[in-house]
PDB file of N, CA and C in Angstrom:
ATOM      1  N   MET A   1     252.404 118.166 -32.359  1.00  0.00           N
ATOM      2  CA  MET A   1     251.824 119.886 -32.469  1.00  0.00           C
ATOM      3  C   MET A   1     251.272 120.197 -31.550  1.00  0.00           C
ATOM      4  N   HIS A   2     251.111 121.391 -30.491  1.00  0.00           N
ATOM      5  CA  HIS A   2     250.600 121.558 -29.449  1.00  0.00           C
ATOM      6  C   HIS A   2     249.622 122.030 -30.272  1.00  0.00           C
ATOM      7  N   THR A   3     248.210 122.004 -28.499  1.00  0.00           N
ATOM      8  CA  THR A   3     247.089 122.324 -28.748  1.00  0.00           C
ATOM      9  C   THR A   3     247.254 123.964 -29.698  1.00  0.00           C
ATOM     10  N   GLU A   4     247.277 125.235 -28.128  1.00  0.00           N
ATOM     11  CA  GLU A   4     247.350 126.069 -29.004  1.00  0.00           C
ATOM     12  C   GLU A   4     248.089 126.636 -30.715  1.00  0.00           C
ATOM     13  N   GLU A   5     248.713 125.418 -31.064  1.00  0.00           N
ATOM     14  CA  GLU A   5     249.403 125.302 -32.638  1.00  0.00           C
ATOM     15  C   GLU A   5     248.013 124.715 -33.561  1.00  0.00           C
ATOM     16  N   ARG A   6     247.630 123.754 -33.193  1.00  0.00           N
ATOM     17  CA  ARG A   6     246.242 123.463 -33.582  1.00  0.00           C
ATOM     18  C   ARG A   6     245.032 123.713 -33.860  1.00  0.00           C
ATOM     19  N   VAL A   7     245.047 124.943 -32.821  1.00  0.00           N
ATOM     20  CA  VAL A   7     243.613 126.384 -32.762  1.00  0.00           C
ATOM     21  C   VAL A   7     243.853 127.084 -33.926  1.00  0.00           C
ATOM     22  N   ILE A   8     245.186 127.418 -33.834  1.00  0.00           N
ATOM     23  CA  ILE A   8     246.023 129.122 -34.968  1.00  0.00           C
ATOM     24  C   ILE A   8     245.435 128.299 -35.892  1.00  0.00           C
ATOM     25  N   GLU A   9     245.598 126.415 -36.262  1.00  0.00           N
ATOM     26  CA  GLU A   9     246.169 126.480 -37.351  1.00  0.00           C
ATOM     27  C   GLU A   9     244.601 126.401 -38.028  1.00  0.00           C
ATOM     28  N   LEU A  10     243.598 125.815 -37.425  1.00  0.00           N
ATOM     29  CA  LEU A  10     242.623 125.295 -37.624  1.00  0.00           C
ATOM     30  C   LEU A  10     241.342 126.551 -37.698  1.00  0.00           C
ATOM     31  N   LEU A  11     241.737 127.743 -36.511  1.00  0.00           N
ATOM     32  CA  LEU A  11     241.452 129.211 -36.844  1.00  0.00           C
ATOM     33  C   LEU A  11     241.530 129.902 -38.335  1.00  0.00           C
ATOM     34  N   ARG A  12     243.059 130.159 -39.027  1.00  0.00           N
ATOM     35  CA  ARG A  12     243.245 130.351 -39.964  1.00  0.00           C
ATOM     36  C   ARG A  12     242.790 129.877 -41.590  1.00  0.00           C
ATOM     37  N   GLU A  13     242.002 128.563 -40.656  1.00  0.00           N
ATOM     38  CA  GLU A  13     241.215 128.230 -42.845  1.00  0.00           C
ATOM     39  C   GLU A  13     239.938 128.521 -43.018  1.00  0.00           C
ATOM     40  N   LEU A  14     239.258 129.011 -41.366  1.00  0.00           N
ATOM     41  CA  LEU A  14     238.540 129.575 -41.344  1.00  0.00           C
ATOM     42  C   LEU A  14     237.316 130.524 -41.375  1.00  0.00           C
ATOM     43  N   SER A  15     236.034 130.603 -42.600  1.00  0.00           N
ATOM     44  CA  SER A  15     236.038 132.747 -42.343  1.00  0.00           C
ATOM     45  C   SER A  15     236.115 133.078 -41.849  1.00  0.00           C
ATOM     46  N   PRO A  16     236.360 134.236 -41.724  1.00  0.00           N
ATOM     47  CA  PRO A  16     235.611 134.989 -40.913  1.00  0.00           C
ATOM     48  C   PRO A  16     234.494 135.222 -40.051  1.00  0.00           C
ATOM     49  N   GLU A  17     233.297 134.619 -40.516  1.00  0.00           N
ATOM     50  CA  GLU A  17     232.212 134.922 -39.316  1.00  0.00           C
ATOM     51  C   GLU A  17     232.427 133.904 -38.665  1.00  0.00           C
ATOM     52  N   GLN A  18     232.458 132.255 -38.776  1.00  0.00           N
ATOM     53  CA  GLN A  18     233.963 131.586 -38.549  1.00  0.00           C
ATOM     54  C   GLN A  18     234.153 131.480 -37.030  1.00  0.00           C
ATOM     55  N   GLN A  19     235.838 132.497 -37.259  1.00  0.00           N
ATOM     56  CA  GLN A  19     236.570 132.617 -36.647  1.00  0.00           C
ATOM     57  C   GLN A  19     235.729 134.040 -35.181  1.00  0.00           C
ATOM     58  N   VAL A  20     234.806 134.360 -36.143  1.00  0.00           N
ATOM     59  CA  VAL A  20     234.578 135.196 -34.589  1.00  0.00           C
ATOM     60  C   VAL A  20     233.056 134.729 -33.548  1.00  0.00           C
ATOM     61  N   GLU A  21     232.717 133.632 -34.213  1.00  0.00           N
ATOM     62  CA  GLU A  21     231.802 132.671 -32.978  1.00  0.00           C
ATOM     63  C   GLU A  21     233.292 131.907 -33.077  1.00  0.00           C
ATOM     64  N   VAL A  22     234.180 131.120 -33.372  1.00  0.00           N
ATOM     65  CA  VAL A  22     235.295 131.101 -31.914  1.00  0.00           C
ATOM     66  C   VAL A  22     236.015 131.640 -31.439  1.00  0.00           C
ATOM     67  N   LEU A  23     236.122 133.560 -31.457  1.00  0.00           N
ATOM     68  CA  LEU A  23     235.847 133.996 -30.668  1.00  0.00           C
ATOM     69  C   LEU A  23     235.053 134.652 -29.657  1.00  0.00           C
ATOM     70  N   ASP A  24     233.756 134.242 -30.040  1.00  0.00           N
ATOM     71  CA  ASP A  24     232.481 134.808 -29.428  1.00  0.00           C
ATOM     72  C   ASP A  24     232.268 133.265 -28.031  1.00  0.00           C
ATOM     73  N   PHE A  25     232.715 132.055 -28.694  1.00  0.00           N
ATOM     74  CA  PHE A  25     232.832 131.116 -27.444  1.00  0.00           C
ATOM     75  C   PHE A  25     233.897 130.698 -26.239  1.00  0.00           C
ATOM     76  N   ALA A  26     235.076 131.694 -27.522  1.00  0.00           N
ATOM     77  CA  ALA A  26     236.603 131.316 -26.520  1.00  0.00           C
ATOM     78  C   ALA A  26     236.516 132.962 -25.169  1.00  0.00           C
ATOM     79  N   ALA A  27     235.495 133.962 -25.770  1.00  0.00           N
ATOM     80  CA  ALA A  27     235.260 133.873 -24.679  1.00  0.00           C
ATOM     81  C   ALA A  27     234.793 134.117 -23.832  1.00  0.00           C
ATOM     82  N   PHE A  28     233.355 133.409 -23.689  1.00  0.00           N
ATOM     83  CA  PHE A  28     232.157 132.595 -22.905  1.00  0.00           C
ATOM     84  C   PHE A  28     232.175 131.343 -22.370  1.00  0.00           C
ATOM     85  N   LEU A  29     233.908 130.709 -23.185  1.00  0.00           N
ATOM     86  CA  LEU A  29     234.904 129.265 -21.675  1.00  0.00           C
ATOM     87  C   LEU A  29     235.568 130.685 -20.784  1.00  0.00           C
ATOM     88  N   LYS A  30     236.307 131.296 -20.552  1.00  0.00           N
ATOM     89  CA  LYS A  30     236.686 132.290 -21.127  1.00  0.00           C
ATOM     90  C   LYS A  30     235.331 132.737 -18.936  1.00  0.00           C
ATOM     91  N   GLU A  31     234.425 133.239 -19.359  1.00  0.00           N
ATOM     92  CA  GLU A  31     234.193 134.348 -18.639  1.00  0.00           C
ATOM     93  C   GLU A  31     233.274 132.487 -17.479  1.00  0.00           C
ATOM     94  N   ARG A  32     232.477 131.942 -17.835  1.00  0.00           N
ATOM     95  CA  ARG A  32     233.015 130.839 -17.509  1.00  0.00           C
ATOM     96  C   ARG A  32     233.481 130.352 -16.152  1.00  0.00           C
ATOM     97  N   GLN A  33     234.389 130.361 -16.958  1.00  0.00           N
ATOM     98  CA  GLN A  33     235.786 129.957 -15.780  1.00  0.00           C
ATOM     99  C   GLN A  33     235.756 130.911 -14.422  1.00  0.00           C
ATOM    100  N   LYS A  34     235.590 131.633 -14.617  1.00  0.00           N
ATOM    101  CA  LYS A  34     236.034 133.464 -13.919  1.00  0.00           C
ATOM    102  C   LYS A  34     234.107 133.254 -12.095  1.00  0.00           C
ATOM    103  N   ARG A  35     233.509 132.129 -13.326  1.00  0.00           N
ATOM    104  CA  ARG A  35     232.111 132.102 -11.550  1.00  0.00           C
ATOM    105  C   ARG A  35     232.565 130.855 -11.231  1.00  0.00           C
ATOM    106  N   VAL A  36     232.917 130.287 -11.053  1.00  0.00           N
ATOM    107  CA  VAL A  36     233.480 129.147  -9.825  1.00  0.00           C
ATOM    108  C   VAL A  36     232.289 128.990  -8.654  1.00  0.00           C
ATOM    109  N   ARG A  37     231.566 128.163  -8.655  1.00  0.00           N
ATOM    110  CA  ARG A  37     230.752 128.555  -8.070  1.00  0.00           C
ATOM    111  C   ARG A  37     231.376 127.448  -6.822  1.00  0.00           C
ATOM    112  N   SER A  38     230.803 127.753  -5.708  1.00  0.00           N
ATOM    113  CA  SER A  38     230.903 127.164  -4.232  1.00  0.00           C
ATOM    114  C   SER A  38     230.885 126.131  -4.016  1.00  0.00           C
ATOM    115  N   PRO A  39     230.808 125.297  -3.680  1.00  0.00           N
ATOM    116  CA  PRO A  39     230.164 124.363  -3.336  1.00  0.00           C
ATOM    117  C   PRO A  39     228.701 123.841  -1.670  1.00  0.00           C
ATOM    118  N   ARG A  40     227.233 124.256  -2.492  1.00  0.00           N
ATOM    119  CA  ARG A  40     226.513 123.905  -1.552  1.00  0.00           C
ATOM    120  C   ARG A  40     226.830 123.159   0.435  1.00  0.00           C
ATOM    121  N   PRO A  41     225.960 124.451   0.821  1.00  0.00           N
ATOM    122  CA  PRO A  41     226.777 122.957   2.505  1.00  0.00           C
ATOM    123  C   PRO A  41     225.890 122.237   3.102  1.00  0.00           C
ATOM    124  N   TYR A  42     225.947 121.007   3.399  1.00  0.00           N
ATOM    125  CA  TYR A  42     226.115 120.050   4.312  1.00  0.00           C
ATOM    126  C   TYR A  42     224.108 120.721   4.601  1.00  0.00           C
ATOM    127  N   GLY A  43     223.787 120.153   4.053  1.00  0.00           N
ATOM    128  CA  GLY A  43     222.396 119.700   5.355  1.00  0.00           C
ATOM    129  C   GLY A  43     221.288 120.752   4.591  1.00  0.00           C
ATOM    130  N   LEU A  44     221.667 121.257   3.912  1.00  0.00           N
ATOM    131  CA  LEU A  44     221.154 122.372   3.392  1.00  0.00           C
ATOM    132  C   LEU A  44     219.223 122.619   3.384  1.00  0.00           C
ATOM    133  N   CYS A  45     219.018 121.835   2.709  1.00  0.00           N
ATOM    134  CA  CYS A  45     216.854 121.520   2.887  1.00  0.00           C
ATOM    135  C   CYS A  45     216.820 120.377   4.163  1.00  0.00           C
ATOM    136  N   ASP A  46     217.998 120.526   4.787  1.00  0.00           N
ATOM    137  CA  ASP A  46     217.597 119.066   6.777  1.00  0.00           C
ATOM    138  C   ASP A  46     216.153 120.152   6.500  1.00  0.00           C
ATOM    139  N   GLY A  47     215.718 119.041   6.793  1.00  0.00           N
ATOM    140  CA  GLY A  47     213.634 119.096   7.649  1.00  0.00           C
ATOM    141  C   GLY A  47     212.430 119.300   6.232  1.00  0.00           C
ATOM    142  N   ALA A  48     213.858 119.350   5.026  1.00  0.00           N
ATOM    143  CA  ALA A  48     212.230 120.231   3.765  1.00  0.00           C
ATOM    144  C   ALA A  48     211.747 118.450   3.053  1.00  0.00           C
ATOM    145  N   PHE A  49     212.014 117.074   3.733  1.00  0.00           N
ATOM    146  CA  PHE A  49     211.526 116.194   3.267  1.00  0.00           C
ATOM    147  C   PHE A  49     212.051 115.293   4.132  1.00  0.00           C
ATOM    148  N   GLN A  50     211.481 114.274   4.051  1.00  0.00           N
ATOM    149  CA  GLN A  50     211.612 112.531   4.502  1.00  0.00           C
ATOM    150  C   GLN A  50     211.833 111.807   4.243  1.00  0.00           C
ATOM    151  N   VAL A  51     212.780 110.949   3.932  1.00  0.00           N
ATOM    152  CA  VAL A  51     213.583 109.989   2.385  1.00  0.00           C
ATOM    153  C   VAL A  51     211.976 109.059   3.877  1.00  0.00           C
ATOM    154  N   PRO A  52     211.499 107.825   3.130  1.00  0.00           N
ATOM    155  CA  PRO A  52     209.835 107.383   3.844  1.00  0.00           C
ATOM    156  C   PRO A  52     211.987 105.928   3.790  1.00  0.00           C
ATOM    157  N   ASP A  53     211.395 104.614   5.064  1.00  0.00           N
ATOM    158  CA  ASP A  53     212.071 103.850   4.655  1.00  0.00           C
ATOM    159  C   ASP A  53     211.978 103.223   4.338  1.00  0.00           C
ATOM    160  N   ASP A  54     211.214 102.290   3.407  1.00  0.00           N
ATOM    161  CA  ASP A  54     210.799 101.576   2.322  1.00  0.00           C
ATOM    162  C   ASP A  54     211.502 102.942   1.099  1.00  0.00           C
ATOM    163  N   PHE A  55     212.476 103.414   0.882  1.00  0.00           N
ATOM    164  CA  PHE A  55     212.880 104.772  -0.694  1.00  0.00           C
ATOM    165  C   PHE A  55     213.931 102.955  -0.802  1.00  0.00           C
ATOM    166  N   ASP A  56     213.948 102.532  -0.091  1.00  0.00           N
ATOM    167  CA  ASP A  56     214.549 101.934  -2.000  1.00  0.00           C
ATOM    168  C   ASP A  56     214.247  99.441  -1.453  1.00  0.00           C
ATOM    169  N   ALA A  57     212.556  99.571  -1.388  1.00  0.00           N
ATOM    170  CA  ALA A  57     211.950  98.569  -1.663  1.00  0.00           C
ATOM    171  C   ALA A  57     211.900  98.220  -3.263  1.00  0.00           C
ATOM    172  N   PRO A  58     212.232  96.920  -3.265  1.00  0.00           N
ATOM    173  CA  PRO A  58     211.501  97.283  -5.051  1.00  0.00           C
ATOM    174  C   PRO A  58     210.303  97.603  -5.646  1.00  0.00           C
ATOM    175  N   LEU A  59     209.883  98.434  -6.212  1.00  0.00           N
ATOM    176  CA  LEU A  59     208.583  98.451  -6.951  1.00  0.00           C
ATOM    177  C   LEU A  59     208.284  97.474  -6.715  1.00  0.00           C
ATOM    178  N   PRO A  60     206.297  97.977  -6.637  1.00  0.00           N
ATOM    179  CA  PRO A  60     205.332  96.806  -7.336  1.00  0.00           C
ATOM    180  C   PRO A  60     205.384  96.200  -8.342  1.00  0.00           C
ATOM    181  N   GLU A  61     205.057  94.710  -9.141  1.00  0.00           N
ATOM    182  CA  GLU A  61     204.586  94.986 -10.682  1.00  0.00           C
ATOM    183  C   GLU A  61     204.405  95.887 -11.418  1.00  0.00           C
ATOM    184  N   THR A  62     203.837  96.659 -11.065  1.00  0.00           N
ATOM    185  CA  THR A  62     202.235  97.470 -12.124  1.00  0.00           C
ATOM    186  C   THR A  62     203.340  98.558 -11.862  1.00  0.00           C
ATOM    187  N   GLU A  63     204.251  98.860 -11.028  1.00  0.00           N
ATOM    188  CA  GLU A  63     204.848 100.011 -11.264  1.00  0.00           C
ATOM    189  C   GLU A  63     205.554  99.575 -12.636  1.00  0.00           C
ATOM    190  N   ILE A  64     206.423  99.532 -12.442  1.00  0.00           N
ATOM    191  CA  ILE A  64     207.576  98.775 -13.338  1.00  0.00           C
ATOM    192  C   ILE A  64     206.600  99.123 -14.969  1.00  0.00           C
ATOM    193  N   ALA A  65     205.982  97.888 -14.905  1.00  0.00           N
ATOM    194  CA  ALA A  65     204.913  97.402 -16.741  1.00  0.00           C
ATOM    195  C   ALA A  65     205.075  99.195 -16.677  1.00  0.00           C
ATOM    196  N   LEU A  66     205.034 100.416 -15.931  1.00  0.00           N
ATOM    197  CA  LEU A  66     204.397 101.409 -16.129  1.00  0.00           C
ATOM    198  C   LEU A  66     205.899 102.326 -17.088  1.00  0.00           C
ATOM    199  N   PHE A  67     206.685 101.959 -16.301  1.00  0.00           N
ATOM    200  CA  PHE A  67     208.643 102.788 -16.707  1.00  0.00           C
ATOM    201  C   PHE A  67     208.414 101.707 -18.243  1.00  0.00           C
ATOM    202  N   GLU A  68     208.270 100.101 -18.569  1.00  0.00           N
ATOM    203  CA  GLU A  68     208.406  99.780 -19.323  1.00  0.00           C
ATOM    204  C   GLU A  68     208.107  99.027 -20.876  1.00  0.00           C
ATOM    205  N   SER A  69     207.138 100.368 -21.018  1.00  0.00           N
ATOM    206  CA  SER A  69     205.447 100.101 -21.875  1.00  0.00           C
ATOM    207  C   SER A  69     206.476 101.177 -22.749  1.00  0.00           C
TER     208      SER A  69
END
Protein backbone atom coordinates (compact mmCIF):
# COMPACT_ATOMS: atom_id res chain seq x y z
CA MET A 1 0.00 0.00 0.00
CA HIS A 2 1.34 3.43 -0.93
CA THR A 3 1.79 6.19 1.62
CA GLU A 4 -1.04 8.30 0.19
CA GLU A 5 -3.47 5.38 0.41
CA ARG A 6 -2.40 4.67 4.00
CA VAL A 7 -2.86 8.32 4.99
CA ILE A 8 -6.37 8.36 3.51
CA GLU A 9 -7.23 5.09 5.23
CA LEU A 10 -6.09 6.40 8.62
CA LEU A 11 -7.79 9.75 8.03
CA ARG A 12 -11.14 8.03 7.51
CA GLU A 13 -10.78 6.35 10.92
CA LEU A 14 -10.39 9.68 12.73
CA SER A 15 -13.12 11.86 14.16
CA PRO A 16 -14.03 15.03 12.23
CA GLU A 17 -12.19 17.11 14.83
CA GLN A 18 -9.05 15.02 14.41
CA GLN A 19 -9.35 15.28 10.63
CA VAL A 20 -9.31 19.07 10.96
CA GLU A 21 -6.11 18.78 13.00
CA VAL A 22 -4.54 16.64 10.27
CA LEU A 23 -5.61 19.18 7.67
CA ASP A 24 -4.10 22.03 9.69
CA PHE A 25 -0.85 20.12 10.10
CA ALA A 26 -0.67 19.30 6.38
CA ALA A 27 -1.19 23.00 5.58
CA PHE A 28 1.58 23.88 8.04
CA LEU A 29 3.98 21.42 6.37
CA LYS A 30 3.16 22.79 2.93
CA GLU A 31 3.73 26.38 4.08
CA ARG A 32 6.99 25.48 5.81
CA GLN A 33 8.22 23.86 2.60
CA LYS A 34 7.77 27.18 0.77
CA ARG A 35 9.99 29.04 3.21
CA VAL A 36 13.30 27.55 2.15
CA ARG A 37 16.05 29.51 3.81
CA SER A 38 19.15 30.30 1.85
CA PRO A 39 22.37 29.36 3.60
CA ARG A 40 24.15 32.07 5.52
CA PRO A 41 27.22 33.47 3.79
CA TYR A 42 30.63 32.46 5.09
CA GLY A 43 32.32 35.02 7.28
CA LEU A 44 29.07 36.58 8.48
CA CYS A 45 30.51 37.02 11.99
CA ASP A 46 34.07 37.69 10.87
CA GLY A 47 35.78 39.76 13.54
CA ALA A 48 32.89 39.46 15.99
CA PHE A 49 34.86 37.16 18.29
CA GLN A 50 38.25 35.51 18.48
CA VAL A 51 38.86 31.85 19.21
CA PRO A 52 41.63 31.50 21.81
CA ASP A 53 44.69 29.42 20.96
CA ASP A 54 43.90 26.95 23.75
CA PHE A 55 40.27 26.46 22.63
CA ASP A 56 40.60 22.68 22.33
CA ALA A 57 42.91 22.20 25.30
CA PRO A 58 41.69 19.83 28.02
CA LEU A 59 39.62 21.46 30.75
CA PRO A 60 41.00 21.67 34.28
CA GLU A 61 39.80 18.94 36.63
CA THR A 62 37.83 21.51 38.65
CA GLU A 63 35.80 22.43 35.55
CA ILE A 64 35.22 18.79 34.61
CA ALA A 65 33.98 18.10 38.14
CA LEU A 66 31.31 20.79 37.72
CA PHE A 67 29.92 19.00 34.66
CA GLU A 68 30.01 15.56 36.26
CA SER A 69 28.32 16.46 39.54
